[in-house]
Amino acid sequence: MYGKIFVYILVSILVIWSLDSININAIFKKNRVIQAQLFYFFLGLSLIYLITNFIMDLYTSIKIF
């Protein structure tokens, strides 16, 4: 349980760091700041969830063998 929390924290830091390199303002229309922030937030959450579950599934599948 504590291992999964640690992986979530580590992946969160890496995802936020990597999303910082995207110029999100160039993608969205002007005066759509809240929509862009909401998209950025959901994109970050989904990446954190997917990457953490991938790492944990990989760990458990390797641990069995």
N, C-alpha and C. Protein backbone atom coordinates (compact mmCIF):
# COMPACT_ATOMS: atom_id res chain seq x y z
N MET A 1 0.82 -1.20 0.00
CA MET A 1 0.00 0.00 0.00
C MET A 1 0.86 1.26 0.00
N TYR A 2 1.88 1.26 0.86
CA TYR A 2 2.74 2.44 0.93
C TYR A 2 3.60 2.58 -0.34
N GLY A 3 3.88 1.45 -0.96
CA GLY A 3 4.64 1.49 -2.20
C GLY A 3 3.86 2.17 -3.32
N LYS A 4 2.57 1.91 -3.37
CA LYS A 4 1.73 2.53 -4.41
C LYS A 4 1.61 4.04 -4.18
N ILE A 5 1.52 4.45 -2.94
CA ILE A 5 1.47 5.89 -2.63
C ILE A 5 2.77 6.55 -3.04
N PHE A 6 3.90 5.90 -2.77
CA PHE A 6 5.19 6.43 -3.17
C PHE A 6 5.29 6.56 -4.69
N VAL A 7 4.80 5.55 -5.41
CA VAL A 7 4.83 5.60 -6.87
C VAL A 7 3.93 6.72 -7.38
N TYR A 8 2.75 6.91 -6.77
CA TYR A 8 1.87 8.01 -7.15
C TYR A 8 2.56 9.36 -6.97
N ILE A 9 3.24 9.54 -5.85
CA ILE A 9 3.93 10.81 -5.60
C ILE A 9 5.06 11.02 -6.60
N LEU A 10 5.85 9.99 -6.84
CA LEU A 10 6.96 10.10 -7.79
C LEU A 10 6.46 10.39 -9.20
N VAL A 11 5.44 9.67 -9.64
CA VAL A 11 4.89 9.87 -10.98
C VAL A 11 4.24 11.24 -11.09
N SER A 12 3.58 11.71 -10.03
CA SER A 12 2.97 13.04 -10.04
C SER A 12 4.01 14.12 -10.29
N ILE A 13 5.13 14.00 -9.62
CA ILE A 13 6.20 14.98 -9.80
C ILE A 13 6.72 14.94 -11.24
N LEU A 14 6.92 13.75 -11.76
CA LEU A 14 7.44 13.62 -13.13
C LEU A 14 6.44 14.10 -14.18
N VAL A 15 5.16 13.82 -13.98
CA VAL A 15 4.14 14.25 -14.94
C VAL A 15 3.99 15.77 -14.93
N ILE A 16 3.98 16.37 -13.75
CA ILE A 16 3.88 17.83 -13.66
C ILE A 16 5.10 18.47 -14.31
N TRP A 17 6.26 17.90 -14.07
CA TRP A 17 7.49 18.43 -14.67
C TRP A 17 7.46 18.32 -16.20
N SER A 18 6.96 17.19 -16.70
CA SER A 18 6.92 17.01 -18.15
C SER A 18 5.82 17.84 -18.81
N LEU A 19 4.68 18.01 -18.15
CA LEU A 19 3.61 18.85 -18.71
C LEU A 19 3.98 20.33 -18.72
N ASP A 20 4.93 20.69 -17.90
CA ASP A 20 5.38 22.08 -17.86
C ASP A 20 6.06 22.49 -19.16
N SER A 21 6.52 21.52 -19.93
CA SER A 21 7.22 21.84 -21.17
C SER A 21 6.27 22.11 -22.34
N ILE A 22 4.98 21.82 -22.15
CA ILE A 22 4.00 22.02 -23.21
C ILE A 22 3.49 23.45 -23.18
N ASN A 23 3.46 24.09 -24.35
CA ASN A 23 2.88 25.43 -24.47
C ASN A 23 1.38 25.26 -24.71
N ILE A 24 0.64 25.17 -23.63
CA ILE A 24 -0.78 24.87 -23.72
C ILE A 24 -1.58 26.04 -24.29
N ASN A 25 -1.05 27.24 -24.22
CA ASN A 25 -1.76 28.42 -24.73
C ASN A 25 -1.86 28.39 -26.25
N ALA A 26 -0.94 27.76 -26.91
CA ALA A 26 -0.96 27.71 -28.37
C ALA A 26 -2.01 26.73 -28.89
N ILE A 27 -2.48 25.84 -28.06
CA ILE A 27 -3.43 24.82 -28.49
C ILE A 27 -4.87 25.35 -28.45
N PHE A 28 -5.19 26.14 -27.45
CA PHE A 28 -6.56 26.56 -27.22
C PHE A 28 -6.86 27.93 -27.81
N LYS A 29 -8.14 28.20 -27.95
CA LYS A 29 -8.59 29.50 -28.44
C LYS A 29 -8.33 30.57 -27.38
N LYS A 30 -8.32 31.81 -27.83
CA LYS A 30 -8.12 32.91 -26.90
C LYS A 30 -9.33 33.04 -25.97
N ASN A 31 -9.08 33.55 -24.78
CA ASN A 31 -10.10 33.79 -23.74
C ASN A 31 -10.79 32.50 -23.30
N ARG A 32 -10.12 31.39 -23.38
CA ARG A 32 -10.63 30.10 -22.90
C ARG A 32 -9.70 29.55 -21.82
N VAL A 33 -9.36 30.39 -20.86
CA VAL A 33 -8.36 30.05 -19.86
C VAL A 33 -8.84 28.94 -18.94
N ILE A 34 -10.06 29.02 -18.47
CA ILE A 34 -10.57 28.02 -17.53
C ILE A 34 -10.69 26.66 -18.21
N GLN A 35 -11.11 26.65 -19.45
CA GLN A 35 -11.20 25.38 -20.17
C GLN A 35 -9.82 24.77 -20.39
N ALA A 36 -8.84 25.61 -20.68
CA ALA A 36 -7.48 25.11 -20.88
C ALA A 36 -6.91 24.57 -19.57
N GLN A 37 -7.17 25.25 -18.46
CA GLN A 37 -6.67 24.79 -17.17
C GLN A 37 -7.34 23.48 -16.76
N LEU A 38 -8.64 23.37 -17.04
CA LEU A 38 -9.36 22.15 -16.71
C LEU A 38 -8.85 20.97 -17.55
N PHE A 39 -8.61 21.21 -18.82
CA PHE A 39 -8.03 20.18 -19.68
C PHE A 39 -6.65 19.76 -19.19
N TYR A 40 -5.84 20.71 -18.82
CA TYR A 40 -4.49 20.46 -18.30
C TYR A 40 -4.56 19.62 -17.02
N PHE A 41 -5.51 19.95 -16.16
CA PHE A 41 -5.70 19.23 -14.90
C PHE A 41 -6.11 17.78 -15.15
N PHE A 42 -7.11 17.59 -16.02
CA PHE A 42 -7.57 16.23 -16.30
C PHE A 42 -6.53 15.42 -17.07
N LEU A 43 -5.79 16.06 -17.93
CA LEU A 43 -4.71 15.38 -18.63
C LEU A 43 -3.65 14.90 -17.63
N GLY A 44 -3.31 15.75 -16.69
CA GLY A 44 -2.34 15.37 -15.67
C GLY A 44 -2.83 14.22 -14.81
N LEU A 45 -4.09 14.30 -14.37
CA LEU A 45 -4.65 13.22 -13.54
C LEU A 45 -4.68 11.89 -14.29
N SER A 46 -5.09 11.94 -15.55
CA SER A 46 -5.18 10.69 -16.30
C SER A 46 -3.79 10.10 -16.57
N LEU A 47 -2.81 10.94 -16.85
CA LEU A 47 -1.45 10.43 -17.05
C LEU A 47 -0.89 9.84 -15.77
N ILE A 48 -1.12 10.49 -14.64
CA ILE A 48 -0.64 9.97 -13.36
C ILE A 48 -1.27 8.61 -13.08
N TYR A 49 -2.57 8.50 -13.29
CA TYR A 49 -3.28 7.24 -13.04
C TYR A 49 -2.77 6.12 -13.96
N LEU A 50 -2.67 6.41 -15.25
CA LEU A 50 -2.26 5.38 -16.20
C LEU A 50 -0.82 4.92 -15.98
N ILE A 51 0.08 5.84 -15.75
CA ILE A 51 1.48 5.48 -15.57
C ILE A 51 1.68 4.71 -14.27
N THR A 52 1.01 5.14 -13.20
CA THR A 52 1.14 4.44 -11.92
C THR A 52 0.59 3.03 -12.01
N ASN A 53 -0.56 2.87 -12.64
CA ASN A 53 -1.12 1.52 -12.77
C ASN A 53 -0.26 0.64 -13.66
N PHE A 54 0.34 1.22 -14.70
CA PHE A 54 1.25 0.45 -15.54
C PHE A 54 2.45 -0.03 -14.73
N ILE A 55 3.04 0.84 -13.94
CA ILE A 55 4.21 0.46 -13.14
C ILE A 55 3.84 -0.59 -12.11
N MET A 56 2.70 -0.44 -11.46
CA MET A 56 2.30 -1.41 -10.44
C MET A 56 1.95 -2.76 -11.07
N ASP A 57 1.28 -2.76 -12.22
CA ASP A 57 0.98 -4.02 -12.90
C ASP A 57 2.25 -4.71 -13.38
N LEU A 58 3.19 -3.94 -13.87
CA LEU A 58 4.46 -4.49 -14.30
C LEU A 58 5.20 -5.10 -13.12
N TYR A 59 5.19 -4.40 -12.00
CA TYR A 59 5.86 -4.90 -10.79
C TYR A 59 5.22 -6.21 -10.31
N THR A 60 3.89 -6.25 -10.30
CA THR A 60 3.24 -7.47 -9.81
C THR A 60 3.41 -8.64 -10.77
N SER A 61 3.47 -8.36 -12.07
CA SER A 61 3.66 -9.46 -13.02
C SER A 61 5.08 -10.00 -12.96
N ILE A 62 6.05 -9.15 -12.72
CA ILE A 62 7.43 -9.61 -12.59
C ILE A 62 7.62 -10.33 -11.26
N LYS A 63 6.93 -9.88 -10.23
CA LYS A 63 7.05 -10.47 -8.91
C LYS A 63 6.53 -11.91 -8.90
N ILE A 64 5.53 -12.24 -9.70
CA ILE A 64 4.97 -13.58 -9.74
C ILE A 64 5.98 -14.57 -10.30
N PHE A 65 6.67 -14.17 -11.35
CA PHE A 65 7.63 -15.08 -11.97
C PHE A 65 8.85 -15.06 -11.15
